[in-house]
Amino acid sequence: MNIDLQARDIKPLRQTFARVAAYTGDKPASRYLEATMGAQPTTNFHYRPTWEPEFELFDTARTAIKLADWYVLRDPRQYYYANWTMTRARQQEAMESNYQFVESRGLIDKTPDALRAKACEVLMPLRHAAWGANMNNCSICSRGYGTAFTAPAMLHAMDQLGVAQYLTRLGMALGEPGALEAGRNAWLQDPRWQVLRRLVEDTLVVQDPFELFVAQNLSIDGLLYPLIYTHFIDDHLTLQGGTAVAMLTSFMPEWHTESARWVDAVVKVAAAENSDNHALISGWFQRYADQTQAALAPVAEIALGAAGAQALQTVREALNARARKAGLAV
């Protein structure tokens, strides 16, 4: 008995989903494109939101920014749920290794008490700032338009929640639960923290999702993260024996550098779309960066003393250069 096996070439009727092909053509697409392009519903909504009946469930009118196609705001990291979780899992493993190293060598106990107290004084109130950033990015996801814009905002929100959790764990390692309570009290009552607290709480009620994006992700984070995790921790604490603190916060500067690629790409594309967008985004950046710099001035003094003002000015100049590179008028 002979069996004749023959290879047959079966050509697929289409190379990707129709909603993706509308943007890229009928050709094989990456997982990022398949998870992002055209994924948001655009028609056949059953009802308008009862809390905002003037808008559809997904509505470009919620922001003053105008784009012909909101899917131009693509993430250069090409994150969608699967590869984002895998990336964060690897970073979590690195952080666990850092904790094991610090604990096995007793580096926390070898850190001077005054240094540990200073780290708690500066970092523990920032748990609440990270929570505010989490809420703001949830709002951007809820009120924004287009999966290319809203999906990474939700991932960003969960990253900010992770930052708050890392700071909580650091406080437990440095000063036990009392450090967390002291940080909460400082956030609520210490006059030096009230300007930043007011700024965070004011942004919680910003209705325009793109304005909120500029306020939180470009302006506030663009000044806060370099000031605290570079100038305070890397350049100040580490040189005085605070290597353990730097190791246990290593996720934050790494994450900020990575996420800045997405923030800058969104701002650059939106601002280049038309002159009205450019003027709006540039104005928002100038206003919120000024407010953030003023809010961080007392925090910089807490962290770095007399050198705080110069460090904050250096950070602001770097952020201005970053905004100019993204095409904003600064």
C-alpha atoms as a PDB file:
ATOM      1  CA  MET A   1       0.000   0.000   0.000  1.00  0.00           C
ATOM      2  CA  ASN A   2       1.439   3.357  -1.016  1.00  0.00           C
ATOM      3  CA  ILE A   3       0.569   6.625   0.698  1.00  0.00           C
ATOM      4  CA  ASP A   4       1.161   9.700  -1.385  1.00  0.00           C
ATOM      5  CA  LEU A   5       1.770  12.744   0.861  1.00  0.00           C
ATOM      6  CA  GLN A   6       1.652  16.097  -0.852  1.00  0.00           C
ATOM      7  CA  ALA A   7       2.211  19.578   0.534  1.00  0.00           C
ATOM      8  CA  ARG A   8      -0.519  22.076  -0.145  1.00  0.00           C
ATOM      9  CA  ASP A   9      -0.075  25.820   0.191  1.00  0.00           C
ATOM     10  CA  ILE A  10      -3.183  27.259   1.822  1.00  0.00           C
ATOM     11  CA  LYS A  11      -3.345  31.007   1.491  1.00  0.00           C
ATOM     12  CA  PRO A  12      -5.290  32.828   4.210  1.00  0.00           C
ATOM     13  CA  LEU A  13      -8.225  34.893   3.049  1.00  0.00           C
ATOM     14  CA  ARG A  14      -6.889  37.845   5.066  1.00  0.00           C
ATOM     15  CA  GLN A  15      -3.670  38.591   6.932  1.00  0.00           C
ATOM     16  CA  THR A  16      -5.065  40.400   9.960  1.00  0.00           C
ATOM     17  CA  PHE A  17      -8.285  41.700  11.497  1.00  0.00           C
ATOM     18  CA  ALA A  18     -10.357  44.031   9.331  1.00  0.00           C
ATOM     19  CA  ARG A  19     -10.194  46.783  11.979  1.00  0.00           C
ATOM     20  CA  VAL A  20      -6.384  46.618  11.876  1.00  0.00           C
ATOM     21  CA  ALA A  21      -6.232  46.398   8.093  1.00  0.00           C
ATOM     22  CA  ALA A  22      -8.162  49.682   7.935  1.00  0.00           C
ATOM     23  CA  TYR A  23      -5.041  51.359   9.361  1.00  0.00           C
ATOM     24  CA  THR A  24      -2.159  49.219   8.119  1.00  0.00           C
ATOM     25  CA  GLY A  25      -3.458  47.430   5.037  1.00  0.00           C
ATOM     26  CA  ASP A  26      -4.112  43.714   4.714  1.00  0.00           C
ATOM     27  CA  LYS A  27      -0.734  42.437   5.843  1.00  0.00           C
ATOM     28  CA  PRO A  28       0.557  40.588   8.917  1.00  0.00           C
ATOM     29  CA  ALA A  29       0.428  42.851  11.976  1.00  0.00           C
ATOM     30  CA  SER A  30       2.240  42.792  15.292  1.00  0.00           C
ATOM     31  CA  ARG A  31       0.464  41.706  18.452  1.00  0.00           C
ATOM     32  CA  TYR A  32       0.581  45.333  19.612  1.00  0.00           C
ATOM     33  CA  LEU A  33      -1.275  46.524  16.526  1.00  0.00           C
ATOM     34  CA  GLU A  34      -3.817  43.718  16.785  1.00  0.00           C
ATOM     35  CA  ALA A  35      -4.481  44.578  20.434  1.00  0.00           C
ATOM     36  CA  THR A  36      -4.708  48.316  19.770  1.00  0.00           C
ATOM     37  CA  MET A  37      -5.826  49.483  16.348  1.00  0.00           C
ATOM     38  CA  GLY A  38      -9.556  50.003  15.976  1.00  0.00           C
ATOM     39  CA  ALA A  39     -10.312  48.185  19.216  1.00  0.00           C
ATOM     40  CA  GLN A  40     -12.522  50.899  20.716  1.00  0.00           C
ATOM     41  CA  PRO A  41     -16.241  50.825  19.797  1.00  0.00           C
ATOM     42  CA  THR A  42     -17.321  53.767  17.661  1.00  0.00           C
ATOM     43  CA  THR A  43     -20.976  53.084  16.760  1.00  0.00           C
ATOM     44  CA  ASN A  44     -24.208  51.549  18.029  1.00  0.00           C
ATOM     45  CA  PHE A  45     -23.988  52.798  21.604  1.00  0.00           C
ATOM     46  CA  HIS A  46     -27.079  51.870  23.613  1.00  0.00           C
ATOM     47  CA  TYR A  47     -27.233  54.995  25.742  1.00  0.00           C
ATOM     48  CA  ARG A  48     -25.400  58.145  26.700  1.00  0.00           C
ATOM     49  CA  PRO A  49     -23.745  58.183  30.135  1.00  0.00           C
ATOM     50  CA  THR A  50     -26.316  59.398  32.639  1.00  0.00           C
ATOM     51  CA  TRP A  51     -23.636  61.381  34.475  1.00  0.00           C
ATOM     52  CA  GLU A  52     -22.641  63.234  31.273  1.00  0.00           C
ATOM     53  CA  PRO A  53     -25.553  63.042  28.826  1.00  0.00           C
ATOM     54  CA  GLU A  54     -23.931  65.657  26.574  1.00  0.00           C
ATOM     55  CA  PHE A  55     -21.300  63.059  25.538  1.00  0.00           C
ATOM     56  CA  GLU A  56     -21.314  59.623  23.982  1.00  0.00           C
ATOM     57  CA  LEU A  57     -19.676  56.807  25.941  1.00  0.00           C
ATOM     58  CA  PHE A  58     -16.547  57.364  23.840  1.00  0.00           C
ATOM     59  CA  ASP A  59     -16.388  60.949  22.660  1.00  0.00           C
ATOM     60  CA  THR A  60     -13.587  63.088  21.249  1.00  0.00           C
ATOM     61  CA  ALA A  61     -15.408  66.195  22.502  1.00  0.00           C
ATOM     62  CA  ARG A  62     -14.207  65.548  26.060  1.00  0.00           C
ATOM     63  CA  THR A  63     -10.884  67.168  25.183  1.00  0.00           C
ATOM     64  CA  ALA A  64     -10.002  70.408  23.451  1.00  0.00           C
ATOM     65  CA  ILE A  65      -7.296  68.570  21.485  1.00  0.00           C
ATOM     66  CA  LYS A  66      -8.378  67.760  17.942  1.00  0.00           C
ATOM     67  CA  LEU A  67      -6.934  64.872  15.950  1.00  0.00           C
ATOM     68  CA  ALA A  68      -8.096  63.484  12.634  1.00  0.00           C
ATOM     69  CA  ASP A  69      -7.182  59.997  13.850  1.00  0.00           C
ATOM     70  CA  TRP A  70      -6.625  59.254  17.524  1.00  0.00           C
ATOM     71  CA  TYR A  71      -4.785  56.056  16.671  1.00  0.00           C
ATOM     72  CA  VAL A  72      -1.751  58.100  15.632  1.00  0.00           C
ATOM     73  CA  LEU A  73      -0.889  58.307  19.350  1.00  0.00           C
ATOM     74  CA  ARG A  74       0.921  54.986  19.339  1.00  0.00           C
ATOM     75  CA  ASP A  75       3.170  53.763  22.114  1.00  0.00           C
ATOM     76  CA  PRO A  76       6.803  53.451  20.919  1.00  0.00           C
ATOM     77  CA  ARG A  77       7.253  50.697  23.529  1.00  0.00           C
ATOM     78  CA  GLN A  78       4.424  48.806  21.762  1.00  0.00           C
ATOM     79  CA  TYR A  79       2.961  47.691  25.072  1.00  0.00           C
ATOM     80  CA  TYR A  80      -0.214  45.677  25.264  1.00  0.00           C
ATOM     81  CA  TYR A  81      -1.319  43.616  28.244  1.00  0.00           C
ATOM     82  CA  ALA A  82       0.800  40.511  27.621  1.00  0.00           C
ATOM     83  CA  ASN A  83       4.224  42.043  26.976  1.00  0.00           C
ATOM     84  CA  TRP A  84       3.625  44.751  29.590  1.00  0.00           C
ATOM     85  CA  THR A  85       2.984  42.125  32.282  1.00  0.00           C
ATOM     86  CA  MET A  86       6.047  40.138  31.195  1.00  0.00           C
ATOM     87  CA  THR A  87       8.243  43.240  31.369  1.00  0.00           C
ATOM     88  CA  ARG A  88       6.961  44.218  34.797  1.00  0.00           C
ATOM     89  CA  ALA A  89       7.351  40.623  36.012  1.00  0.00           C
ATOM     90  CA  ARG A  90      11.051  40.697  35.094  1.00  0.00           C
ATOM     91  CA  GLN A  91      11.447  44.012  36.908  1.00  0.00           C
ATOM     92  CA  GLN A  92       9.632  42.592  39.924  1.00  0.00           C
ATOM     93  CA  GLU A  93      12.083  39.676  39.973  1.00  0.00           C
ATOM     94  CA  ALA A  94      14.966  42.156  39.931  1.00  0.00           C
ATOM     95  CA  MET A  95      13.425  44.062  42.830  1.00  0.00           C
ATOM     96  CA  GLU A  96      12.959  40.838  44.796  1.00  0.00           C
ATOM     97  CA  SER A  97      16.623  40.051  44.215  1.00  0.00           C
ATOM     98  CA  ASN A  98      17.527  43.496  45.507  1.00  0.00           C
ATOM     99  CA  TYR A  99      15.483  42.952  48.649  1.00  0.00           C
ATOM    100  CA  GLN A 100      17.081  39.559  49.211  1.00  0.00           C
ATOM    101  CA  PHE A 101      20.539  41.063  48.786  1.00  0.00           C
ATOM    102  CA  VAL A 102      19.833  43.963  51.132  1.00  0.00           C
ATOM    103  CA  GLU A 103      18.281  41.712  53.773  1.00  0.00           C
ATOM    104  CA  SER A 104      20.928  38.987  53.567  1.00  0.00           C
ATOM    105  CA  ARG A 105      23.745  41.523  54.039  1.00  0.00           C
ATOM    106  CA  GLY A 106      21.929  43.509  56.695  1.00  0.00           C
ATOM    107  CA  LEU A 107      22.352  46.703  54.688  1.00  0.00           C
ATOM    108  CA  ILE A 108      19.335  48.381  56.279  1.00  0.00           C
ATOM    109  CA  ASP A 109      20.846  47.942  59.766  1.00  0.00           C
ATOM    110  CA  LYS A 110      24.154  49.311  58.486  1.00  0.00           C
ATOM    111  CA  THR A 111      22.484  52.444  57.153  1.00  0.00           C
ATOM    112  CA  PRO A 112      22.923  55.375  59.587  1.00  0.00           C
ATOM    113  CA  ASP A 113      19.781  56.133  61.583  1.00  0.00           C
ATOM    114  CA  ALA A 114      19.736  59.753  60.445  1.00  0.00           C
ATOM    115  CA  LEU A 115      19.868  58.647  56.805  1.00  0.00           C
ATOM    116  CA  ARG A 116      17.027  56.199  57.280  1.00  0.00           C
ATOM    117  CA  ALA A 117      14.961  58.901  58.951  1.00  0.00           C
ATOM    118  CA  LYS A 118      15.667  61.325  56.108  1.00  0.00           C
ATOM    119  CA  ALA A 119      14.664  58.736  53.499  1.00  0.00           C
ATOM    120  CA  CYS A 120      11.377  58.115  55.301  1.00  0.00           C
ATOM    121  CA  GLU A 121      10.738  61.831  55.749  1.00  0.00           C
ATOM    122  CA  VAL A 122      11.076  62.480  52.016  1.00  0.00           C
ATOM    123  CA  LEU A 123       9.708  59.283  50.466  1.00  0.00           C
ATOM    124  CA  MET A 124       6.768  58.226  52.615  1.00  0.00           C
ATOM    125  CA  PRO A 125       4.495  61.188  51.757  1.00  0.00           C
ATOM    126  CA  LEU A 126       5.139  60.458  48.092  1.00  0.00           C
ATOM    127  CA  ARG A 127       3.090  57.277  48.426  1.00  0.00           C
ATOM    128  CA  HIS A 128       0.058  59.568  48.300  1.00  0.00           C
ATOM    129  CA  ALA A 129       1.374  61.470  45.280  1.00  0.00           C
ATOM    130  CA  ALA A 130       1.758  58.135  43.465  1.00  0.00           C
ATOM    131  CA  TRP A 131      -1.806  57.228  44.405  1.00  0.00           C
ATOM    132  CA  GLY A 132      -2.957  60.543  42.916  1.00  0.00           C
ATOM    133  CA  ALA A 133      -1.056  59.710  39.720  1.00  0.00           C
ATOM    134  CA  ASN A 134      -2.788  56.330  39.660  1.00  0.00           C
ATOM    135  CA  MET A 135      -6.203  57.986  39.925  1.00  0.00           C
ATOM    136  CA  ASN A 136      -5.353  60.562  37.265  1.00  0.00           C
ATOM    137  CA  ASN A 137      -4.291  57.952  34.737  1.00  0.00           C
ATOM    138  CA  CYS A 138      -7.449  55.970  35.455  1.00  0.00           C
ATOM    139  CA  SER A 139      -9.347  59.145  34.612  1.00  0.00           C
ATOM    140  CA  ILE A 140      -7.340  59.576  31.382  1.00  0.00           C
ATOM    141  CA  CYS A 141      -8.269  56.020  30.418  1.00  0.00           C
ATOM    142  CA  SER A 142     -11.917  56.566  31.318  1.00  0.00           C
ATOM    143  CA  ARG A 143     -12.363  59.915  29.572  1.00  0.00           C
ATOM    144  CA  GLY A 144      -9.856  59.613  26.715  1.00  0.00           C
ATOM    145  CA  TYR A 145     -10.513  58.466  23.183  1.00  0.00           C
ATOM    146  CA  GLY A 146      -8.874  55.701  21.162  1.00  0.00           C
ATOM    147  CA  THR A 147      -7.269  52.533  22.490  1.00  0.00           C
ATOM    148  CA  ALA A 148      -3.814  53.745  21.438  1.00  0.00           C
ATOM    149  CA  PHE A 149      -4.184  56.549  24.016  1.00  0.00           C
ATOM    150  CA  THR A 150      -6.330  54.995  26.728  1.00  0.00           C
ATOM    151  CA  ALA A 151      -4.814  51.503  27.020  1.00  0.00           C
ATOM    152  CA  PRO A 152      -1.263  52.613  27.922  1.00  0.00           C
ATOM    153  CA  ALA A 153      -2.800  55.168  30.312  1.00  0.00           C
ATOM    154  CA  MET A 154      -4.368  52.292  32.234  1.00  0.00           C
ATOM    155  CA  LEU A 155      -1.065  50.412  32.265  1.00  0.00           C
ATOM    156  CA  HIS A 156       0.574  53.628  33.489  1.00  0.00           C
ATOM    157  CA  ALA A 157      -2.016  53.872  36.261  1.00  0.00           C
ATOM    158  CA  MET A 158      -1.150  50.401  37.496  1.00  0.00           C
ATOM    159  CA  ASP A 159       2.566  51.233  37.311  1.00  0.00           C
ATOM    160  CA  GLN A 160       1.926  54.207  39.603  1.00  0.00           C
ATOM    161  CA  LEU A 161       0.095  51.921  42.003  1.00  0.00           C
ATOM    162  CA  GLY A 162       3.171  49.692  41.936  1.00  0.00           C
ATOM    163  CA  VAL A 163       5.356  52.707  42.800  1.00  0.00           C
ATOM    164  CA  ALA A 164       3.136  53.424  45.813  1.00  0.00           C
ATOM    165  CA  GLN A 165       3.426  49.784  46.890  1.00  0.00           C
ATOM    166  CA  TYR A 166       7.222  49.819  46.541  1.00  0.00           C
ATOM    167  CA  LEU A 167       7.376  52.940  48.705  1.00  0.00           C
ATOM    168  CA  THR A 168       5.141  51.258  51.265  1.00  0.00           C
ATOM    169  CA  ARG A 169       7.403  48.223  51.353  1.00  0.00           C
ATOM    170  CA  LEU A 170      10.442  50.484  51.679  1.00  0.00           C
ATOM    171  CA  GLY A 171       8.861  52.265  54.623  1.00  0.00           C
ATOM    172  CA  MET A 172       8.202  48.933  56.323  1.00  0.00           C
ATOM    173  CA  ALA A 173      11.838  47.947  55.786  1.00  0.00           C
ATOM    174  CA  LEU A 174      13.269  51.249  57.009  1.00  0.00           C
ATOM    175  CA  GLY A 175      11.040  52.229  59.870  1.00  0.00           C
ATOM    176  CA  GLU A 176       8.266  49.721  60.456  1.00  0.00           C
ATOM    177  CA  PRO A 177       4.592  50.805  60.255  1.00  0.00           C
ATOM    178  CA  GLY A 178       5.307  54.021  62.147  1.00  0.00           C
ATOM    179  CA  ALA A 179       7.071  55.419  59.096  1.00  0.00           C
ATOM    180  CA  LEU A 180       3.929  55.033  57.001  1.00  0.00           C
ATOM    181  CA  GLU A 181       1.796  56.800  59.596  1.00  0.00           C
ATOM    182  CA  ALA A 182       4.316  59.618  59.861  1.00  0.00           C
ATOM    183  CA  GLY A 183       4.322  60.007  56.086  1.00  0.00           C
ATOM    184  CA  ARG A 184       0.534  60.172  56.014  1.00  0.00           C
ATOM    185  CA  ASN A 185       0.483  62.799  58.764  1.00  0.00           C
ATOM    186  CA  ALA A 186       3.102  64.865  56.930  1.00  0.00           C
ATOM    187  CA  TRP A 187       1.067  64.689  53.710  1.00  0.00           C
ATOM    188  CA  LEU A 188      -2.061  65.860  55.535  1.00  0.00           C
ATOM    189  CA  GLN A 189      -0.639  68.359  58.011  1.00  0.00           C
ATOM    190  CA  ASP A 190       2.956  69.447  57.370  1.00  0.00           C
ATOM    191  CA  PRO A 191       2.841  72.915  55.719  1.00  0.00           C
ATOM    192  CA  ARG A 192       5.829  72.022  53.531  1.00  0.00           C
ATOM    193  CA  TRP A 193       3.822  69.308  51.778  1.00  0.00           C
ATOM    194  CA  GLN A 194       0.534  71.166  51.380  1.00  0.00           C
ATOM    195  CA  VAL A 195       1.350  72.921  48.100  1.00  0.00           C
ATOM    196  CA  LEU A 196       2.144  69.605  46.413  1.00  0.00           C
ATOM    197  CA  ARG A 197      -0.868  67.982  48.034  1.00  0.00           C
ATOM    198  CA  ARG A 198      -3.092  70.799  46.749  1.00  0.00           C
ATOM    199  CA  LEU A 199      -1.690  70.381  43.236  1.00  0.00           C
ATOM    200  CA  VAL A 200      -2.305  66.623  43.289  1.00  0.00           C
ATOM    201  CA  GLU A 201      -5.848  67.063  44.570  1.00  0.00           C
ATOM    202  CA  ASP A 202      -6.615  69.836  42.068  1.00  0.00           C
ATOM    203  CA  THR A 203      -5.597  67.589  39.186  1.00  0.00           C
ATOM    204  CA  LEU A 204      -8.036  64.932  40.374  1.00  0.00           C
ATOM    205  CA  VAL A 205     -10.895  67.080  39.078  1.00  0.00           C
ATOM    206  CA  VAL A 206      -9.385  68.113  35.721  1.00  0.00           C
ATOM    207  CA  GLN A 207     -11.979  67.059  33.146  1.00  0.00           C
ATOM    208  CA  ASP A 208      -9.996  67.264  29.905  1.00  0.00           C
ATOM    209  CA  PRO A 209      -8.095  63.954  29.617  1.00  0.00           C
ATOM    210  CA  PHE A 210      -5.293  65.369  27.477  1.00  0.00           C
ATOM    211  CA  GLU A 211      -4.798  68.344  29.774  1.00  0.00           C
ATOM    212  CA  LEU A 212      -4.593  65.883  32.647  1.00  0.00           C
ATOM    213  CA  PHE A 213      -2.084  63.820  30.677  1.00  0.00           C
ATOM    214  CA  VAL A 214       0.158  66.872  30.290  1.00  0.00           C
ATOM    215  CA  ALA A 215      -0.325  67.902  33.911  1.00  0.00           C
ATOM    216  CA  GLN A 216       0.406  64.527  35.499  1.00  0.00           C
ATOM    217  CA  ASN A 217       2.591  62.523  33.170  1.00  0.00           C
ATOM    218  CA  LEU A 218       4.697  65.281  31.644  1.00  0.00           C
ATOM    219  CA  SER A 219       4.807  68.086  34.204  1.00  0.00           C
ATOM    220  CA  ILE A 220       4.426  66.569  37.684  1.00  0.00           C
ATOM    221  CA  ASP A 221       6.246  63.299  37.042  1.00  0.00           C
ATOM    222  CA  GLY A 222       8.770  65.042  34.795  1.00  0.00           C
ATOM    223  CA  LEU A 223       9.984  67.113  37.755  1.00  0.00           C
ATOM    224  CA  LEU A 224       9.248  64.821  40.693  1.00  0.00           C
ATOM    225  CA  TYR A 225      11.029  61.666  39.562  1.00  0.00           C
ATOM    226  CA  PRO A 226      14.394  63.185  38.551  1.00  0.00           C
ATOM    227  CA  LEU A 227      14.441  65.392  41.663  1.00  0.00           C
ATOM    228  CA  ILE A 228      13.730  62.596  44.116  1.00  0.00           C
ATOM    229  CA  TYR A 229      15.186  59.455  42.564  1.00  0.00           C
ATOM    230  CA  THR A 230      18.204  60.997  40.836  1.00  0.00           C
ATOM    231  CA  HIS A 231      19.265  64.069  42.798  1.00  0.00           C
ATOM    232  CA  PHE A 232      18.092  62.975  46.247  1.00  0.00           C
ATOM    233  CA  ILE A 233      18.620  59.222  46.264  1.00  0.00           C
ATOM    234  CA  ASP A 234      21.351  58.553  43.684  1.00  0.00           C
ATOM    235  CA  ASP A 235      23.384  61.731  44.105  1.00  0.00           C
ATOM    236  CA  HIS A 236      22.801  62.428  47.795  1.00  0.00           C
ATOM    237  CA  LEU A 237      21.752  59.442  49.900  1.00  0.00           C
ATOM    238  CA  THR A 238      23.937  56.898  48.126  1.00  0.00           C
ATOM    239  CA  LEU A 239      27.096  58.934  48.672  1.00  0.00           C
ATOM    240  CA  GLN A 240      26.352  59.072  52.393  1.00  0.00           C
ATOM    241  CA  GLY A 241      25.801  55.349  52.854  1.00  0.00           C
ATOM    242  CA  GLY A 242      22.253  54.946  51.572  1.00  0.00           C
ATOM    243  CA  THR A 243      22.985  52.312  48.956  1.00  0.00           C
ATOM    244  CA  ALA A 244      20.217  50.118  50.360  1.00  0.00           C
ATOM    245  CA  VAL A 245      17.628  52.820  49.692  1.00  0.00           C
ATOM    246  CA  ALA A 246      18.862  53.206  46.112  1.00  0.00           C
ATOM    247  CA  MET A 247      18.606  49.453  45.540  1.00  0.00           C
ATOM    248  CA  LEU A 248      15.097  49.269  46.977  1.00  0.00           C
ATOM    249  CA  THR A 249      13.869  52.130  44.776  1.00  0.00           C
ATOM    250  CA  SER A 250      15.706  51.158  41.582  1.00  0.00           C
ATOM    251  CA  PHE A 251      12.423  50.455  39.771  1.00  0.00           C
ATOM    252  CA  MET A 252      11.285  54.077  39.899  1.00  0.00           C
ATOM    253  CA  PRO A 253      13.975  55.855  37.831  1.00  0.00           C
ATOM    254  CA  GLU A 254      14.139  52.926  35.399  1.00  0.00           C
ATOM    255  CA  TRP A 255      10.365  53.056  34.941  1.00  0.00           C
ATOM    256  CA  HIS A 256      10.313  56.838  34.561  1.00  0.00           C
ATOM    257  CA  THR A 257      12.957  56.773  31.824  1.00  0.00           C
ATOM    258  CA  GLU A 258      11.020  54.083  29.967  1.00  0.00           C
ATOM    259  CA  SER A 259       7.584  55.684  30.326  1.00  0.00           C
ATOM    260  CA  ALA A 260       8.925  59.110  29.268  1.00  0.00           C
ATOM    261  CA  ARG A 261       9.329  57.674  25.745  1.00  0.00           C
ATOM    262  CA  TRP A 262       5.579  57.115  25.577  1.00  0.00           C
ATOM    263  CA  VAL A 263       4.682  60.475  27.132  1.00  0.00           C
ATOM    264  CA  ASP A 264       6.979  62.414  24.803  1.00  0.00           C
ATOM    265  CA  ALA A 265       5.766  60.533  21.717  1.00  0.00           C
ATOM    266  CA  VAL A 266       2.108  61.299  22.509  1.00  0.00           C
ATOM    267  CA  VAL A 267       2.816  64.981  23.146  1.00  0.00           C
ATOM    268  CA  LYS A 268       4.966  65.332  20.024  1.00  0.00           C
ATOM    269  CA  VAL A 269       2.429  63.793  17.648  1.00  0.00           C
ATOM    270  CA  ALA A 270      -0.565  65.644  19.103  1.00  0.00           C
ATOM    271  CA  ALA A 271       1.195  69.022  19.152  1.00  0.00           C
ATOM    272  CA  ALA A 272       2.334  68.619  15.546  1.00  0.00           C
ATOM    273  CA  GLU A 273      -1.200  67.915  14.286  1.00  0.00           C
ATOM    274  CA  ASN A 274      -2.269  71.565  14.150  1.00  0.00           C
ATOM    275  CA  SER A 275      -1.441  74.990  15.551  1.00  0.00           C
ATOM    276  CA  ASP A 276      -4.324  74.981  18.050  1.00  0.00           C
ATOM    277  CA  ASN A 277      -3.095  71.739  19.589  1.00  0.00           C
ATOM    278  CA  HIS A 278       0.423  73.125  19.752  1.00  0.00           C
ATOM    279  CA  ALA A 279      -0.697  76.271  21.558  1.00  0.00           C
ATOM    280  CA  LEU A 280      -2.919  74.378  24.003  1.00  0.00           C
ATOM    281  CA  ILE A 281      -0.358  71.741  24.941  1.00  0.00           C
ATOM    282  CA  SER A 282       2.451  74.286  25.242  1.00  0.00           C
ATOM    283  CA  GLY A 283       0.279  76.440  27.508  1.00  0.00           C
ATOM    284  CA  TRP A 284      -0.754  73.505  29.669  1.00  0.00           C
ATOM    285  CA  PHE A 285       2.836  72.402  30.042  1.00  0.00           C
ATOM    286  CA  GLN A 286       4.033  75.867  31.034  1.00  0.00           C
ATOM    287  CA  ARG A 287       1.271  76.301  33.605  1.00  0.00           C
ATOM    288  CA  TYR A 288       1.534  72.914  35.249  1.00  0.00           C
ATOM    289  CA  ALA A 289       5.337  72.821  35.175  1.00  0.00           C
ATOM    290  CA  ASP A 290       5.387  76.205  36.934  1.00  0.00           C
ATOM    291  CA  GLN A 291       2.902  74.984  39.528  1.00  0.00           C
ATOM    292  CA  THR A 292       4.839  71.759  40.071  1.00  0.00           C
ATOM    293  CA  GLN A 293       8.144  73.580  40.448  1.00  0.00           C
ATOM    294  CA  ALA A 294       6.604  75.833  43.101  1.00  0.00           C
ATOM    295  CA  ALA A 295       5.026  72.829  44.850  1.00  0.00           C
ATOM    296  CA  LEU A 296       8.301  70.903  44.896  1.00  0.00           C
ATOM    297  CA  ALA A 297      10.405  73.803  46.205  1.00  0.00           C
ATOM    298  CA  PRO A 298       9.767  72.999  49.899  1.00  0.00           C
ATOM    299  CA  VAL A 299      10.121  69.276  49.178  1.00  0.00           C
ATOM    300  CA  ALA A 300      13.507  69.894  47.557  1.00  0.00           C
ATOM    301  CA  GLU A 301      14.553  71.797  50.670  1.00  0.00           C
ATOM    302  CA  ILE A 302      13.452  68.916  52.912  1.00  0.00           C
ATOM    303  CA  ALA A 303      15.428  66.482  50.788  1.00  0.00           C
ATOM    304  CA  LEU A 304      18.567  68.423  49.904  1.00  0.00           C
ATOM    305  CA  GLY A 305      18.662  71.429  52.180  1.00  0.00           C
ATOM    306  CA  ALA A 306      20.310  74.487  50.699  1.00  0.00           C
ATOM    307  CA  ALA A 307      21.179  72.550  47.529  1.00  0.00           C
ATOM    308  CA  GLY A 308      17.521  71.767  46.859  1.00  0.00           C
ATOM    309  CA  ALA A 309      16.706  74.936  44.943  1.00  0.00           C
ATOM    310  CA  GLN A 310      19.564  74.430  42.488  1.00  0.00           C
ATOM    311  CA  ALA A 311      18.698  70.762  42.003  1.00  0.00           C
ATOM    312  CA  LEU A 312      15.084  71.674  41.277  1.00  0.00           C
ATOM    313  CA  GLN A 313      16.164  74.331  38.787  1.00  0.00           C
ATOM    314  CA  THR A 314      18.422  71.807  37.050  1.00  0.00           C
ATOM    315  CA  VAL A 315      15.534  69.380  36.785  1.00  0.00           C
ATOM    316  CA  ARG A 316      13.262  72.085  35.385  1.00  0.00           C
ATOM    317  CA  GLU A 317      15.787  73.043  32.725  1.00  0.00           C
ATOM    318  CA  ALA A 318      16.080  69.380  31.709  1.00  0.00           C
ATOM    319  CA  LEU A 319      12.284  69.083  31.500  1.00  0.00           C
ATOM    320  CA  ASN A 320      12.091  72.250  29.395  1.00  0.00           C
ATOM    321  CA  ALA A 321      14.657  70.781  27.008  1.00  0.00           C
ATOM    322  CA  ARG A 322      12.625  67.571  26.850  1.00  0.00           C
ATOM    323  CA  ALA A 323       9.453  69.556  26.056  1.00  0.00           C
ATOM    324  CA  ARG A 324      11.228  71.541  23.338  1.00  0.00           C
ATOM    325  CA  LYS A 325      12.455  68.296  21.794  1.00  0.00           C
ATOM    326  CA  ALA A 326       8.821  67.154  21.704  1.00  0.00           C
ATOM    327  CA  GLY A 327       8.001  70.283  19.727  1.00  0.00           C
ATOM    328  CA  LEU A 328       6.452  72.477  22.421  1.00  0.00           C
ATOM    329  CA  ALA A 329       6.975  76.204  22.704  1.00  0.00           C
ATOM    330  CA  VAL A 330       8.834  76.722  25.988  1.00  0.00           C
END
